[in-house]
Each structure stands twice: as structure tokens, then as C-alpha cells.
């Protein structure tokens, strides 16, 4: 995906995850909510960690 950082307003508040009934619930700012299976939540979490690390590298490099 190729997003232009100048056209988006990044969220600065983290989401909060919880588990109930064998599902994972992710609640974010402004009423954003998502329900996932444990597998989808694990893969989403890993993807977020990897993307955050890459974004930090880009930020440090001045990209």
C-alpha cells in the first residue's frame, strides 16, 4: 500500500484490545471497533509491530 503521509491525519491514541467468549475485541478512538478471531488478532498484531518498526526506520531516515 502506498499512502501519502501529507494527506492523512495519523491517530496518536492507541486502541485497546480485550478478549471475551473466545474472540478479541479492539476498541479504538472515535468509536472505532473491530471483532476478530484469535488467529486474525495475532496476525494483525504481528503486522502492526512490523509496520511500526519500518515506520520508525523511515522516520529516522527522514523519509
C-alpha atoms as a PDB file:
ATOM      1  CA  UNK A   1       0.000   0.000   0.000  1.00  0.00           C
ATOM      2  CA  UNK A   2       1.202   3.443  -0.804  1.00  0.00           C
ATOM      3  CA  UNK A   3      -0.261   6.222   1.324  1.00  0.00           C
ATOM      4  CA  UNK A   4       0.760   9.847   1.162  1.00  0.00           C
ATOM      5  CA  UNK A   5       1.527  10.967   4.735  1.00  0.00           C
ATOM      6  CA  UNK A   6       0.635  14.556   3.842  1.00  0.00           C
ATOM      7  CA  UNK A   7      -2.964  13.543   3.082  1.00  0.00           C
ATOM      8  CA  UNK A   8      -3.758  11.613   6.235  1.00  0.00           C
ATOM      9  CA  UNK A   9      -4.082  12.592   9.860  1.00  0.00           C
ATOM     10  CA  UNK A  10      -2.422   9.861  11.953  1.00  0.00           C
ATOM     11  CA  UNK A  11      -4.075   8.641  15.124  1.00  0.00           C
ATOM     12  CA  UNK A  12      -1.992   9.297  18.227  1.00  0.00           C
ATOM     13  CA  UNK A  13      -4.114   7.358  20.714  1.00  0.00           C
ATOM     14  CA  UNK A  14      -3.700   3.565  20.859  1.00  0.00           C
ATOM     15  CA  UNK A  15      -6.503   1.068  20.597  1.00  0.00           C
ATOM     16  CA  UNK A  16      -7.345  -1.248  23.482  1.00  0.00           C
ATOM     17  CA  UNK A  17      -7.798  -4.978  22.978  1.00  0.00           C
ATOM     18  CA  UNK A  18      -9.794  -7.334  25.180  1.00  0.00           C
ATOM     19  CA  UNK A  19     -10.902 -10.953  24.964  1.00  0.00           C
ATOM     20  CA  UNK A  20     -14.325 -12.386  25.675  1.00  0.00           C
ATOM     21  CA  UNK A  21     -16.070 -15.557  24.581  1.00  0.00           C
ATOM     22  CA  UNK A  22     -13.104 -16.725  22.509  1.00  0.00           C
ATOM     23  CA  UNK A  23     -12.982 -13.523  20.438  1.00  0.00           C
ATOM     24  CA  UNK A  24     -10.746 -10.470  20.503  1.00  0.00           C
ATOM     25  CA  UNK A  25     -12.295  -7.016  20.599  1.00  0.00           C
ATOM     26  CA  UNK A  26     -10.296  -3.987  19.520  1.00  0.00           C
ATOM     27  CA  UNK A  27     -11.674  -0.622  20.580  1.00  0.00           C
ATOM     28  CA  UNK A  28     -10.061   2.488  19.220  1.00  0.00           C
ATOM     29  CA  UNK A  29     -10.503   6.228  19.386  1.00  0.00           C
ATOM     30  CA  UNK A  30     -13.591   7.861  17.875  1.00  0.00           C
ATOM     31  CA  UNK A  31     -15.710   4.744  18.337  1.00  0.00           C
ATOM     32  CA  UNK A  32     -13.689   2.512  16.031  1.00  0.00           C
ATOM     33  CA  UNK A  33     -14.294  -1.125  16.957  1.00  0.00           C
ATOM     34  CA  UNK A  34     -13.380  -4.473  15.422  1.00  0.00           C
ATOM     35  CA  UNK A  35     -14.031  -8.074  16.471  1.00  0.00           C
ATOM     36  CA  UNK A  36     -11.530 -10.744  15.404  1.00  0.00           C
ATOM     37  CA  UNK A  37     -10.766 -14.386  15.843  1.00  0.00           C
ATOM     38  CA  UNK A  38      -7.674 -15.119  17.939  1.00  0.00           C
ATOM     39  CA  UNK A  39      -5.731 -16.043  14.777  1.00  0.00           C
ATOM     40  CA  UNK A  40      -6.700 -12.828  12.978  1.00  0.00           C
ATOM     41  CA  UNK A  41      -5.818 -10.783  16.055  1.00  0.00           C
ATOM     42  CA  UNK A  42      -2.395 -12.427  16.347  1.00  0.00           C
ATOM     43  CA  UNK A  43      -1.630 -11.843  12.674  1.00  0.00           C
ATOM     44  CA  UNK A  44      -2.878  -8.249  12.887  1.00  0.00           C
ATOM     45  CA  UNK A  45      -0.738  -7.618  15.953  1.00  0.00           C
ATOM     46  CA  UNK A  46       2.369  -9.000  14.253  1.00  0.00           C
ATOM     47  CA  UNK A  47       1.682  -6.947  11.149  1.00  0.00           C
ATOM     48  CA  UNK A  48       1.283  -3.797  13.264  1.00  0.00           C
ATOM     49  CA  UNK A  49       4.564  -4.440  15.102  1.00  0.00           C
ATOM     50  CA  UNK A  50       6.419  -4.973  11.810  1.00  0.00           C
ATOM     51  CA  UNK A  51       4.876  -1.883  10.187  1.00  0.00           C
ATOM     52  CA  UNK A  52       5.651   0.253  13.246  1.00  0.00           C
ATOM     53  CA  UNK A  53       9.299  -0.840  13.142  1.00  0.00           C
ATOM     54  CA  UNK A  54       9.501   0.021   9.437  1.00  0.00           C
ATOM     55  CA  UNK A  55       7.838   3.404  10.002  1.00  0.00           C
ATOM     56  CA  UNK A  56      10.359   4.185  12.758  1.00  0.00           C
ATOM     57  CA  UNK A  57      13.225   3.376  10.349  1.00  0.00           C
ATOM     58  CA  UNK A  58      11.669   5.627   7.691  1.00  0.00           C
ATOM     59  CA  UNK A  59      11.175   8.424  10.195  1.00  0.00           C
ATOM     60  CA  UNK A  60      14.805   8.174  11.344  1.00  0.00           C
ATOM     61  CA  UNK A  61      15.968   8.229   7.723  1.00  0.00           C
ATOM     62  CA  UNK A  62      13.885  11.310   7.026  1.00  0.00           C
ATOM     63  CA  UNK A  63      11.529   9.602   4.603  1.00  0.00           C
END
